Amino acid sequence: MKLIFAIVSHDDSQRVIRELTHEGFQVTKLATTGGFLMAGNATIICGVEDNKVDEALAVIHKSSRSRRQTIPMRPDTSTAMAGYHPSVPVEVTVGGATVFVLSVDRFEKM
């Protein structure tokens, strides 16, 4: 058995959960916040049999899309202290999924 942790953007989370459950996977959603953009994410946890991992990953891949987004650049401490406050927007990639697949030594449903 494997445990899948999929970190997806808040915008994609409902679609990912809907598609996973439609395919028969049971999921748990945790509301999380990314450290770089401080944007809303969802961490989706899904326990799957070894032979179903690729199927679950395909659903996550199909349901979460990365896209380019322009965001205002936040001055860090070093630039703010130097009196430099950048106002140039920066284009970053958001969305998509970051996925971890872990082996499960023991599973019990109580």
PDB file of N, CA and C in Angstrom:
ATOM      1  N   MET A   1       0.844  -1.178   0.000  1.00  0.00           N
ATOM      2  CA  MET A   1       0.000   0.000   0.000  1.00  0.00           C
ATOM      3  C   MET A   1       0.888   1.239   0.000  1.00  0.00           C
ATOM      4  N   LYS A   2       0.376   2.289  -0.631  1.00  0.00           N
ATOM      5  CA  LYS A   2       1.088   3.569  -0.706  1.00  0.00           C
ATOM      6  C   LYS A   2       0.195   4.685  -0.178  1.00  0.00           C
ATOM      7  N   LEU A   3       0.832   5.733   0.296  1.00  0.00           N
ATOM      8  CA  LEU A   3       0.137   6.934   0.735  1.00  0.00           C
ATOM      9  C   LEU A   3       0.580   8.075  -0.167  1.00  0.00           C
ATOM     10  N   ILE A   4      -0.374   8.685  -0.833  1.00  0.00           N
ATOM     11  CA  ILE A   4      -0.087   9.781  -1.757  1.00  0.00           C
ATOM     12  C   ILE A   4      -0.427  11.098  -1.073  1.00  0.00           C
ATOM     13  N   PHE A   5       0.542  12.008  -1.057  1.00  0.00           N
ATOM     14  CA  PHE A   5       0.324  13.385  -0.629  1.00  0.00           C
ATOM     15  C   PHE A   5       0.422  14.239  -1.888  1.00  0.00           C
ATOM     16  N   ALA A   6      -0.660  14.876  -2.283  1.00  0.00           N
ATOM     17  CA  ALA A   6      -0.655  15.743  -3.460  1.00  0.00           C
ATOM     18  C   ALA A   6      -0.957  17.162  -3.009  1.00  0.00           C
ATOM     19  N   ILE A   7      -0.003  18.052  -3.218  1.00  0.00           N
ATOM     20  CA  ILE A   7      -0.197  19.463  -2.869  1.00  0.00           C
ATOM     21  C   ILE A   7      -0.605  20.177  -4.147  1.00  0.00           C
ATOM     22  N   VAL A   8      -1.828  20.694  -4.157  1.00  0.00           N
ATOM     23  CA  VAL A   8      -2.377  21.349  -5.347  1.00  0.00           C
ATOM     24  C   VAL A   8      -2.890  22.731  -4.961  1.00  0.00           C
ATOM     25  N   SER A   9      -3.044  23.590  -5.951  1.00  0.00           N
ATOM     26  CA  SER A   9      -3.571  24.926  -5.666  1.00  0.00           C
ATOM     27  C   SER A   9      -5.027  24.821  -5.232  1.00  0.00           C
ATOM     28  N   HIS A  10      -5.442  25.780  -4.451  1.00  0.00           N
ATOM     29  CA  HIS A  10      -6.837  25.827  -4.005  1.00  0.00           C
ATOM     30  C   HIS A  10      -7.783  25.817  -5.207  1.00  0.00           C
ATOM     31  N   ASP A  11      -7.396  26.510  -6.278  1.00  0.00           N
ATOM     32  CA  ASP A  11      -8.246  26.588  -7.463  1.00  0.00           C
ATOM     33  C   ASP A  11      -8.471  25.229  -8.116  1.00  0.00           C
ATOM     34  N   ASP A  12      -7.516  24.323  -8.007  1.00  0.00           N
ATOM     35  CA  ASP A  12      -7.624  23.000  -8.628  1.00  0.00           C
ATOM     36  C   ASP A  12      -8.150  21.929  -7.682  1.00  0.00           C
ATOM     37  N   SER A  13      -8.177  22.202  -6.401  1.00  0.00           N
ATOM     38  CA  SER A  13      -8.423  21.155  -5.411  1.00  0.00           C
ATOM     39  C   SER A  13      -9.779  20.472  -5.569  1.00  0.00           C
ATOM     40  N   GLN A  14     -10.828  21.218  -5.795  1.00  0.00           N
ATOM     41  CA  GLN A  14     -12.155  20.587  -5.915  1.00  0.00           C
ATOM     42  C   GLN A  14     -12.226  19.666  -7.126  1.00  0.00           C
ATOM     43  N   ARG A  15     -11.608  20.075  -8.223  1.00  0.00           N
ATOM     44  CA  ARG A  15     -11.602  19.242  -9.432  1.00  0.00           C
ATOM     45  C   ARG A  15     -10.813  17.956  -9.175  1.00  0.00           C
ATOM     46  N   VAL A  16      -9.657  18.054  -8.526  1.00  0.00           N
ATOM     47  CA  VAL A  16      -8.836  16.879  -8.238  1.00  0.00           C
ATOM     48  C   VAL A  16      -9.610  15.914  -7.334  1.00  0.00           C
ATOM     49  N   ILE A  17     -10.217  16.441  -6.291  1.00  0.00           N
ATOM     50  CA  ILE A  17     -10.979  15.604  -5.355  1.00  0.00           C
ATOM     51  C   ILE A  17     -12.168  14.953  -6.058  1.00  0.00           C
ATOM     52  N   ARG A  18     -12.891  15.722  -6.847  1.00  0.00           N
ATOM     53  CA  ARG A  18     -14.051  15.186  -7.574  1.00  0.00           C
ATOM     54  C   ARG A  18     -13.639  14.037  -8.502  1.00  0.00           C
ATOM     55  N   GLU A  19     -12.548  14.233  -9.240  1.00  0.00           N
ATOM     56  CA  GLU A  19     -12.103  13.203 -10.182  1.00  0.00           C
ATOM     57  C   GLU A  19     -11.558  11.969  -9.462  1.00  0.00           C
ATOM     58  N   LEU A  20     -10.816  12.167  -8.384  1.00  0.00           N
ATOM     59  CA  LEU A  20     -10.320  11.018  -7.626  1.00  0.00           C
ATOM     60  C   LEU A  20     -11.462  10.197  -7.047  1.00  0.00           C
ATOM     61  N   THR A  21     -12.436  10.862  -6.434  1.00  0.00           N
ATOM     62  CA  THR A  21     -13.558  10.127  -5.849  1.00  0.00           C
ATOM     63  C   THR A  21     -14.412   9.470  -6.933  1.00  0.00           C
ATOM     64  N   HIS A  22     -14.533  10.119  -8.083  1.00  0.00           N
ATOM     65  CA  HIS A  22     -15.274   9.528  -9.207  1.00  0.00           C
ATOM     66  C   HIS A  22     -14.618   8.221  -9.659  1.00  0.00           C
ATOM     67  N   GLU A  23     -13.290   8.163  -9.553  1.00  0.00           N
ATOM     68  CA  GLU A  23     -12.545   6.957  -9.942  1.00  0.00           C
ATOM     69  C   GLU A  23     -12.451   5.930  -8.803  1.00  0.00           C
ATOM     70  N   GLY A  24     -13.111   6.223  -7.671  1.00  0.00           N
ATOM     71  CA  GLY A  24     -13.176   5.258  -6.576  1.00  0.00           C
ATOM     72  C   GLY A  24     -12.123   5.408  -5.495  1.00  0.00           C
ATOM     73  N   PHE A  25     -11.345   6.469  -5.533  1.00  0.00           N
ATOM     74  CA  PHE A  25     -10.339   6.699  -4.498  1.00  0.00           C
ATOM     75  C   PHE A  25     -10.956   7.480  -3.347  1.00  0.00           C
ATOM     76  N   GLN A  26     -10.564   7.138  -2.136  1.00  0.00           N
ATOM     77  CA  GLN A  26     -10.997   7.887  -0.965  1.00  0.00           C
ATOM     78  C   GLN A  26      -9.918   8.905  -0.636  1.00  0.00           C
ATOM     79  N   VAL A  27     -10.330  10.138  -0.366  1.00  0.00           N
ATOM     80  CA  VAL A  27      -9.361  11.208  -0.146  1.00  0.00           C
ATOM     81  C   VAL A  27      -9.685  11.990   1.121  1.00  0.00           C
ATOM     82  N   THR A  28      -8.666  12.620   1.646  1.00  0.00           N
ATOM     83  CA  THR A  28      -8.799  13.578   2.742  1.00  0.00           C
ATOM     84  C   THR A  28      -8.127  14.852   2.284  1.00  0.00           C
ATOM     85  N   LYS A  29      -8.784  15.983   2.509  1.00  0.00           N
ATOM     86  CA  LYS A  29      -8.245  17.283   2.097  1.00  0.00           C
ATOM     87  C   LYS A  29      -7.859  18.089   3.332  1.00  0.00           C
ATOM     88  N   LEU A  30      -6.645  18.625   3.302  1.00  0.00           N
ATOM     89  CA  LEU A  30      -6.179  19.545   4.335  1.00  0.00           C
ATOM     90  C   LEU A  30      -5.941  20.903   3.688  1.00  0.00           C
ATOM     91  N   ALA A  31      -6.453  21.965   4.281  1.00  0.00           N
ATOM     92  CA  ALA A  31      -6.177  23.310   3.782  1.00  0.00           C
ATOM     93  C   ALA A  31      -4.773  23.697   4.217  1.00  0.00           C
ATOM     94  N   THR A  32      -3.924  24.075   3.261  1.00  0.00           N
ATOM     95  CA  THR A  32      -2.544  24.431   3.555  1.00  0.00           C
ATOM     96  C   THR A  32      -2.189  25.724   2.839  1.00  0.00           C
ATOM     97  N   THR A  33      -1.071  26.301   3.214  1.00  0.00           N
ATOM     98  CA  THR A  33      -0.594  27.529   2.589  1.00  0.00           C
ATOM     99  C   THR A  33       0.836  27.320   2.134  1.00  0.00           C
ATOM    100  N   GLY A  34       1.105  27.697   0.886  1.00  0.00           N
ATOM    101  CA  GLY A  34       2.456  27.576   0.352  1.00  0.00           C
ATOM    102  C   GLY A  34       3.382  28.606   0.964  1.00  0.00           C
ATOM    103  N   GLY A  35       4.637  28.269   1.087  1.00  0.00           N
ATOM    104  CA  GLY A  35       5.599  29.162   1.710  1.00  0.00           C
ATOM    105  C   GLY A  35       6.134  30.239   0.800  1.00  0.00           C
ATOM    106  N   PHE A  36       6.193  29.998  -0.512  1.00  0.00           N
ATOM    107  CA  PHE A  36       6.784  30.972  -1.424  1.00  0.00           C
ATOM    108  C   PHE A  36       5.802  32.085  -1.765  1.00  0.00           C
ATOM    109  N   LEU A  37       4.636  31.742  -2.268  1.00  0.00           N
ATOM    110  CA  LEU A  37       3.647  32.759  -2.660  1.00  0.00           C
ATOM    111  C   LEU A  37       2.649  33.064  -1.550  1.00  0.00           C
ATOM    112  N   MET A  38       2.697  32.285  -0.473  1.00  0.00           N
ATOM    113  CA  MET A  38       1.754  32.430   0.627  1.00  0.00           C
ATOM    114  C   MET A  38       0.316  32.325   0.120  1.00  0.00           C
ATOM    115  N   ALA A  39       0.114  31.476  -0.868  1.00  0.00           N
ATOM    116  CA  ALA A  39      -1.201  31.299  -1.474  1.00  0.00           C
ATOM    117  C   ALA A  39      -1.857  30.039  -0.931  1.00  0.00           C
ATOM    118  N   GLY A  40      -3.181  30.002  -1.039  1.00  0.00           N
ATOM    119  CA  GLY A  40      -3.937  28.860  -0.557  1.00  0.00           C
ATOM    120  C   GLY A  40      -3.692  27.618  -1.396  1.00  0.00           C
ATOM    121  N   ASN A  41      -3.421  26.538  -0.717  1.00  0.00           N
ATOM    122  CA  ASN A  41      -3.240  25.239  -1.339  1.00  0.00           C
ATOM    123  C   ASN A  41      -4.149  24.246  -0.651  1.00  0.00           C
ATOM    124  N   ALA A  42      -4.187  23.058  -1.193  1.00  0.00           N
ATOM    125  CA  ALA A  42      -4.825  21.929  -0.529  1.00  0.00           C
ATOM    126  C   ALA A  42      -3.848  20.778  -0.596  1.00  0.00           C
ATOM    127  N   THR A  43      -3.701  20.097   0.518  1.00  0.00           N
ATOM    128  CA  THR A  43      -2.919  18.871   0.525  1.00  0.00           C
ATOM    129  C   THR A  43      -3.920  17.729   0.559  1.00  0.00           C
ATOM    130  N   ILE A  44      -3.895  16.934  -0.485  1.00  0.00           N
ATOM    131  CA  ILE A  44      -4.836  15.827  -0.621  1.00  0.00           C
ATOM    132  C   ILE A  44      -4.095  14.547  -0.266  1.00  0.00           C
ATOM    133  N   ILE A  45      -4.660  13.802   0.664  1.00  0.00           N
ATOM    134  CA  ILE A  45      -4.065  12.554   1.128  1.00  0.00           C
ATOM    135  C   ILE A  45      -4.933  11.413   0.629  1.00  0.00           C
ATOM    136  N   CYS A  46      -4.280  10.398   0.061  1.00  0.00           N
ATOM    137  CA  CYS A  46      -5.012   9.289  -0.532  1.00  0.00           C
ATOM    138  C   CYS A  46      -4.224   8.009  -0.331  1.00  0.00           C
ATOM    139  N   GLY A  47      -4.814   7.033   0.339  1.00  0.00           N
ATOM    140  CA  GLY A  47      -4.186   5.727   0.488  1.00  0.00           C
ATOM    141  C   GLY A  47      -4.623   4.834  -0.655  1.00  0.00           C
ATOM    142  N   VAL A  48      -3.665   4.225  -1.351  1.00  0.00           N
ATOM    143  CA  VAL A  48      -3.999   3.394  -2.518  1.00  0.00           C
ATOM    144  C   VAL A  48      -3.185   2.104  -2.507  1.00  0.00           C
ATOM    145  N   GLU A  49      -3.736   1.096  -3.127  1.00  0.00           N
ATOM    146  CA  GLU A  49      -2.999  -0.154  -3.313  1.00  0.00           C
ATOM    147  C   GLU A  49      -1.859   0.102  -4.300  1.00  0.00           C
ATOM    148  N   ASP A  50      -0.799  -0.661  -4.179  1.00  0.00           N
ATOM    149  CA  ASP A  50       0.379  -0.474  -5.018  1.00  0.00           C
ATOM    150  C   ASP A  50       0.041  -0.444  -6.510  1.00  0.00           C
ATOM    151  N   ASN A  51      -0.863  -1.320  -6.940  1.00  0.00           N
ATOM    152  CA  ASN A  51      -1.183  -1.404  -8.366  1.00  0.00           C
ATOM    153  C   ASN A  51      -2.090  -0.276  -8.855  1.00  0.00           C
ATOM    154  N   LYS A  52      -2.540   0.602  -7.955  1.00  0.00           N
ATOM    155  CA  LYS A  52      -3.418   1.726  -8.328  1.00  0.00           C
ATOM    156  C   LYS A  52      -2.709   3.075  -8.290  1.00  0.00           C
ATOM    157  N   VAL A  53      -1.423   3.089  -7.920  1.00  0.00           N
ATOM    158  CA  VAL A  53      -0.687   4.354  -7.786  1.00  0.00           C
ATOM    159  C   VAL A  53      -0.657   5.117  -9.105  1.00  0.00           C
ATOM    160  N   ASP A  54      -0.285   4.459 -10.189  1.00  0.00           N
ATOM    161  CA  ASP A  54      -0.196   5.141 -11.487  1.00  0.00           C
ATOM    162  C   ASP A  54      -1.541   5.704 -11.916  1.00  0.00           C
ATOM    163  N   GLU A  55      -2.616   4.981 -11.628  1.00  0.00           N
ATOM    164  CA  GLU A  55      -3.961   5.456 -11.973  1.00  0.00           C
ATOM    165  C   GLU A  55      -4.297   6.728 -11.189  1.00  0.00           C
ATOM    166  N   ALA A  56      -4.010   6.732  -9.898  1.00  0.00           N
ATOM    167  CA  ALA A  56      -4.276   7.919  -9.069  1.00  0.00           C
ATOM    168  C   ALA A  56      -3.433   9.105  -9.525  1.00  0.00           C
ATOM    169  N   LEU A  57      -2.152   8.848  -9.831  1.00  0.00           N
ATOM    170  CA  LEU A  57      -1.283   9.931 -10.291  1.00  0.00           C
ATOM    171  C   LEU A  57      -1.762  10.503 -11.622  1.00  0.00           C
ATOM    172  N   ALA A  58      -2.271   9.650 -12.505  1.00  0.00           N
ATOM    173  CA  ALA A  58      -2.792  10.130 -13.789  1.00  0.00           C
ATOM    174  C   ALA A  58      -4.000  11.041 -13.576  1.00  0.00           C
ATOM    175  N   VAL A  59      -4.862  10.695 -12.618  1.00  0.00           N
ATOM    176  CA  VAL A  59      -6.026  11.535 -12.318  1.00  0.00           C
ATOM    177  C   VAL A  59      -5.581  12.886 -11.769  1.00  0.00           C
ATOM    178  N   ILE A  60      -4.613  12.883 -10.871  1.00  0.00           N
ATOM    179  CA  ILE A  60      -4.105  14.134 -10.301  1.00  0.00           C
ATOM    180  C   ILE A  60      -3.477  14.987 -11.396  1.00  0.00           C
ATOM    181  N   HIS A  61      -2.684  14.373 -12.250  1.00  0.00           N
ATOM    182  CA  HIS A  61      -2.028  15.100 -13.344  1.00  0.00           C
ATOM    183  C   HIS A  61      -3.057  15.714 -14.284  1.00  0.00           C
ATOM    184  N   LYS A  62      -4.072  14.951 -14.630  1.00  0.00           N
ATOM    185  CA  LYS A  62      -5.111  15.425 -15.555  1.00  0.00           C
ATOM    186  C   LYS A  62      -5.950  16.556 -14.945  1.00  0.00           C
ATOM    187  N   SER A  63      -6.108  16.543 -13.627  1.00  0.00           N
ATOM    188  CA  SER A  63      -7.032  17.469 -12.958  1.00  0.00           C
ATOM    189  C   SER A  63      -6.376  18.724 -12.401  1.00  0.00           C
ATOM    190  N   SER A  64      -5.060  18.806 -12.430  1.00  0.00           N
ATOM    191  CA  SER A  64      -4.382  19.998 -11.903  1.00  0.00           C
ATOM    192  C   SER A  64      -3.443  20.530 -12.970  1.00  0.00           C
ATOM    193  N   ARG A  65      -3.630  21.766 -13.324  1.00  0.00           N
ATOM    194  CA  ARG A  65      -2.865  22.381 -14.407  1.00  0.00           C
ATOM    195  C   ARG A  65      -1.983  23.500 -13.875  1.00  0.00           C
ATOM    196  N   SER A  66      -0.759  23.534 -14.359  1.00  0.00           N
ATOM    197  CA  SER A  66       0.090  24.675 -14.027  1.00  0.00           C
ATOM    198  C   SER A  66      -0.189  25.787 -15.029  1.00  0.00           C
ATOM    199  N   ARG A  67      -0.033  27.006 -14.583  1.00  0.00           N
ATOM    200  CA  ARG A  67      -0.289  28.173 -15.427  1.00  0.00           C
ATOM    201  C   ARG A  67       0.603  29.320 -14.974  1.00  0.00           C
ATOM    202  N   ARG A  68       0.817  30.257 -15.846  1.00  0.00           N
ATOM    203  CA  ARG A  68       1.630  31.432 -15.528  1.00  0.00           C
ATOM    204  C   ARG A  68       0.725  32.506 -14.945  1.00  0.00           C
ATOM    205  N   GLN A  69       1.228  33.189 -13.933  1.00  0.00           N
ATOM    206  CA  GLN A  69       0.467  34.254 -13.281  1.00  0.00           C
ATOM    207  C   GLN A  69       1.426  35.372 -12.913  1.00  0.00           C
ATOM    208  N   THR A  70       0.996  36.595 -13.075  1.00  0.00           N
ATOM    209  CA  THR A  70       1.805  37.743 -12.703  1.00  0.00           C
ATOM    210  C   THR A  70       1.415  38.176 -11.296  1.00  0.00           C
ATOM    211  N   ILE A  71       2.424  38.305 -10.438  1.00  0.00           N
ATOM    212  CA  ILE A  71       2.183  38.713  -9.054  1.00  0.00           C
ATOM    213  C   ILE A  71       3.070  39.900  -8.722  1.00  0.00           C
ATOM    214  N   PRO A  72       2.631  40.753  -7.783  1.00  0.00           N
ATOM    215  CA  PRO A  72       3.513  41.847  -7.358  1.00  0.00           C
ATOM    216  C   PRO A  72       4.676  41.280  -6.557  1.00  0.00           C
ATOM    217  N   MET A  73       5.849  41.813  -6.806  1.00  0.00           N
ATOM    218  CA  MET A  73       7.040  41.354  -6.091  1.00  0.00           C
ATOM    219  C   MET A  73       7.054  41.978  -4.706  1.00  0.00           C
ATOM    220  N   ARG A  74       7.204  41.145  -3.688  1.00  0.00           N
ATOM    221  CA  ARG A  74       7.255  41.629  -2.312  1.00  0.00           C
ATOM    222  C   ARG A  74       8.706  41.896  -1.930  1.00  0.00           C
ATOM    223  N   PRO A  75       8.984  43.067  -1.401  1.00  0.00           N
ATOM    224  CA  PRO A  75      10.377  43.321  -1.005  1.00  0.00           C
ATOM    225  C   PRO A  75      10.751  42.435   0.170  1.00  0.00           C
ATOM    226  N   ASP A  76      11.946  41.868   0.116  1.00  0.00           N
ATOM    227  CA  ASP A  76      12.418  41.099   1.265  1.00  0.00           C
ATOM    228  C   ASP A  76      13.096  42.062   2.238  1.00  0.00           C
ATOM    229  N   THR A  77      13.517  41.537   3.341  1.00  0.00           N
ATOM    230  CA  THR A  77      14.103  42.378   4.393  1.00  0.00           C
ATOM    231  C   THR A  77      15.321  43.135   3.903  1.00  0.00           C
ATOM    232  N   SER A  78      16.180  42.491   3.138  1.00  0.00           N
ATOM    233  CA  SER A  78      17.420  43.148   2.719  1.00  0.00           C
ATOM    234  C   SER A  78      17.152  44.313   1.768  1.00  0.00           C
ATOM    235  N   THR A  79      16.194  44.163   0.840  1.00  0.00           N
ATOM    236  CA  THR A  79      15.922  45.268  -0.081  1.00  0.00           C
ATOM    237  C   THR A  79      15.124  46.364   0.604  1.00  0.00           C
ATOM    238  N   ALA A  80      14.248  46.002   1.512  1.00  0.00           N
ATOM    239  CA  ALA A  80      13.458  47.018   2.208  1.00  0.00           C
ATOM    240  C   ALA A  80      14.348  47.863   3.108  1.00  0.00           C
ATOM    241  N   MET A  81      15.316  47.241   3.754  1.00  0.00           N
ATOM    242  CA  MET A  81      16.208  47.990   4.634  1.00  0.00           C
ATOM    243  C   MET A  81      17.111  48.920   3.838  1.00  0.00           C
ATOM    244  N   ALA A  82      17.405  48.559   2.604  1.00  0.00           N
ATOM    245  CA  ALA A  82      18.259  49.401   1.764  1.00  0.00           C
ATOM    246  C   ALA A  82      17.453  50.524   1.107  1.00  0.00           C
ATOM    247  N   GLY A  83      16.165  50.588   1.382  1.00  0.00           N
ATOM    248  CA  GLY A  83      15.326  51.626   0.807  1.00  0.00           C
ATOM    249  C   GLY A  83      14.847  51.297  -0.603  1.00  0.00           C
ATOM    250  N   TYR A  84      15.059  50.087  -1.035  1.00  0.00           N
ATOM    251  CA  TYR A  84      14.644  49.666  -2.376  1.00  0.00           C
ATOM    252  C   TYR A  84      13.363  48.863  -2.258  1.00  0.00           C
ATOM    253  N   HIS A  85      12.315  49.356  -2.869  1.00  0.00           N
ATOM    254  CA  HIS A  85      11.014  48.689  -2.831  1.00  0.00           C
ATOM    255  C   HIS A  85      10.585  48.392  -4.263  1.00  0.00           C
ATOM    256  N   PRO A  86      10.901  47.212  -4.763  1.00  0.00           N
ATOM    257  CA  PRO A  86      10.571  46.901  -6.153  1.00  0.00           C
ATOM    258  C   PRO A  86       9.064  46.892  -6.388  1.00  0.00           C
ATOM    259  N   SER A  87       8.660  47.455  -7.506  1.00  0.00           N
ATOM    260  CA  SER A  87       7.240  47.467  -7.843  1.00  0.00           C
ATOM    261  C   SER A  87       6.987  46.754  -9.164  1.00  0.00           C
ATOM    262  N   VAL A  88       7.994  46.081  -9.645  1.00  0.00           N
ATOM    263  CA  VAL A  88       7.861  45.373 -10.914  1.00  0.00           C
ATOM    264  C   VAL A  88       7.190  44.028 -10.661  1.00  0.00           C
ATOM    265  N   PRO A  89       6.102  43.746 -11.377  1.00  0.00           N
ATOM    266  CA  PRO A  89       5.468  42.441 -11.198  1.00  0.00           C
ATOM    267  C   PRO A  89       6.361  41.319 -11.752  1.00  0.00           C
ATOM    268  N   VAL A  90       6.201  40.151 -11.184  1.00  0.00           N
ATOM    269  CA  VAL A  90       6.996  38.994 -11.567  1.00  0.00           C
ATOM    270  C   VAL A  90       6.050  37.905 -12.072  1.00  0.00           C
ATOM    271  N   GLU A  91       6.429  37.254 -13.158  1.00  0.00           N
ATOM    272  CA  GLU A  91       5.618  36.165 -13.678  1.00  0.00           C
ATOM    273  C   GLU A  91       6.129  34.848 -13.090  1.00  0.00           C
ATOM    274  N   VAL A  92       5.225  34.073 -12.482  1.00  0.00           N
ATOM    275  CA  VAL A  92       5.584  32.800 -11.859  1.00  0.00           C
ATOM    276  C   VAL A  92       4.638  31.708 -12.347  1.00  0.00           C
ATOM    277  N   THR A  93       5.062  30.485 -12.188  1.00  0.00           N
ATOM    278  CA  THR A  93       4.205  29.344 -12.503  1.00  0.00           C
ATOM    279  C   THR A  93       3.459  28.943 -11.241  1.00  0.00           C
ATOM    280  N   VAL A  94       2.138  28.846 -11.334  1.00  0.00           N
ATOM    281  CA  VAL A  94       1.302  28.419 -10.213  1.00  0.00           C
ATOM    282  C   VAL A  94       0.487  27.215 -10.660  1.00  0.00           C
ATOM    283  N   GLY A  95      -0.104  26.554  -9.709  1.00  0.00           N
ATOM    284  CA  GLY A  95      -0.935  25.404 -10.029  1.00  0.00           C
ATOM    285  C   GLY A  95      -0.094  24.162 -10.208  1.00  0.00           C
ATOM    286  N   GLY A  96      -0.667  23.191 -10.893  1.00  0.00           N
ATOM    287  CA  GLY A  96       0.002  21.919 -11.012  1.00  0.00           C
ATOM    288  C   GLY A  96      -0.079  21.178  -9.686  1.00  0.00           C
ATOM    289  N   ALA A  97       0.762  20.210  -9.510  1.00  0.00           N
ATOM    290  CA  ALA A  97       0.746  19.432  -8.273  1.00  0.00           C
ATOM    291  C   ALA A  97       2.165  19.036  -7.899  1.00  0.00           C
ATOM    292  N   THR A  98       2.407  19.018  -6.601  1.00  0.00           N
ATOM    293  CA  THR A  98       3.620  18.440  -6.065  1.00  0.00           C
ATOM    294  C   THR A  98       3.172  17.191  -5.317  1.00  0.00           C
ATOM    295  N   VAL A  99       3.701  16.040  -5.724  1.00  0.00           N
ATOM    296  CA  VAL A  99       3.189  14.773  -5.213  1.00  0.00           C
ATOM    297  C   VAL A  99       4.301  13.965  -4.559  1.00  0.00           C
ATOM    298  N   PHE A 100       3.985  13.415  -3.399  1.00  0.00           N
ATOM    299  CA  PHE A 100       4.870  12.496  -2.690  1.00  0.00           C
ATOM    300  C   PHE A 100       4.142  11.162  -2.573  1.00  0.00           C
ATOM    301  N   VAL A 101       4.829  10.083  -2.875  1.00  0.00           N
ATOM    302  CA  VAL A 101       4.269   8.741  -2.728  1.00  0.00           C
ATOM    303  C   VAL A 101       5.126   8.004  -1.703  1.00  0.00           C
ATOM    304  N   LEU A 102       4.498   7.605  -0.603  1.00  0.00           N
ATOM    305  CA  LEU A 102       5.211   6.959   0.498  1.00  0.00           C
ATOM    306  C   LEU A 102       4.722   5.530   0.688  1.00  0.00           C
ATOM    307  N   SER A 103       5.629   4.656   1.052  1.00  0.00           N
ATOM    308  CA  SER A 103       5.241   3.285   1.379  1.00  0.00           C
ATOM    309  C   SER A 103       4.585   3.249   2.741  1.00  0.00           C
ATOM    310  N   VAL A 104       3.573   2.414   2.876  1.00  0.00           N
ATOM    311  CA  VAL A 104       2.843   2.261   4.144  1.00  0.00           C
ATOM    312  C   VAL A 104       3.220   0.912   4.737  1.00  0.00           C
ATOM    313  N   ASP A 105       3.758   0.921   5.955  1.00  0.00           N
ATOM    314  CA  ASP A 105       4.127  -0.321   6.611  1.00  0.00           C
ATOM    315  C   ASP A 105       2.909  -1.034   7.181  1.00  0.00           C
ATOM    316  N   ARG A 106       1.936  -0.255   7.644  1.00  0.00           N
ATOM    317  CA  ARG A 106       0.764  -0.849   8.274  1.00  0.00           C
ATOM    318  C   ARG A 106      -0.432   0.043   8.038  1.00  0.00           C
ATOM    319  N   PHE A 107      -1.584  -0.579   7.809  1.00  0.00           N
ATOM    320  CA  PHE A 107      -2.822   0.161   7.601  1.00  0.00           C
ATOM    321  C   PHE A 107      -3.930  -0.524   8.397  1.00  0.00           C
ATOM    322  N   GLU A 108      -4.673   0.260   9.158  1.00  0.00           N
ATOM    323  CA  GLU A 108      -5.827  -0.247   9.890  1.00  0.00           C
ATOM    324  C   GLU A 108      -6.961   0.743   9.747  1.00  0.00           C
ATOM    325  N   LYS A 109      -8.137   0.252   9.484  1.00  0.00           N
ATOM    326  CA  LYS A 109      -9.324   1.107   9.433  1.00  0.00           C
ATOM    327  C   LYS A 109     -10.199   0.721  10.597  1.00  0.00           C
ATOM    328  N   MET A 110     -10.421   1.665  11.512  1.00  0.00           N
ATOM    329  CA  MET A 110     -11.146   1.362  12.752  1.00  0.00           C
ATOM    330  C   MET A 110     -12.496   2.032  12.764  1.00  0.00           C
TER     331      MET A 110
END
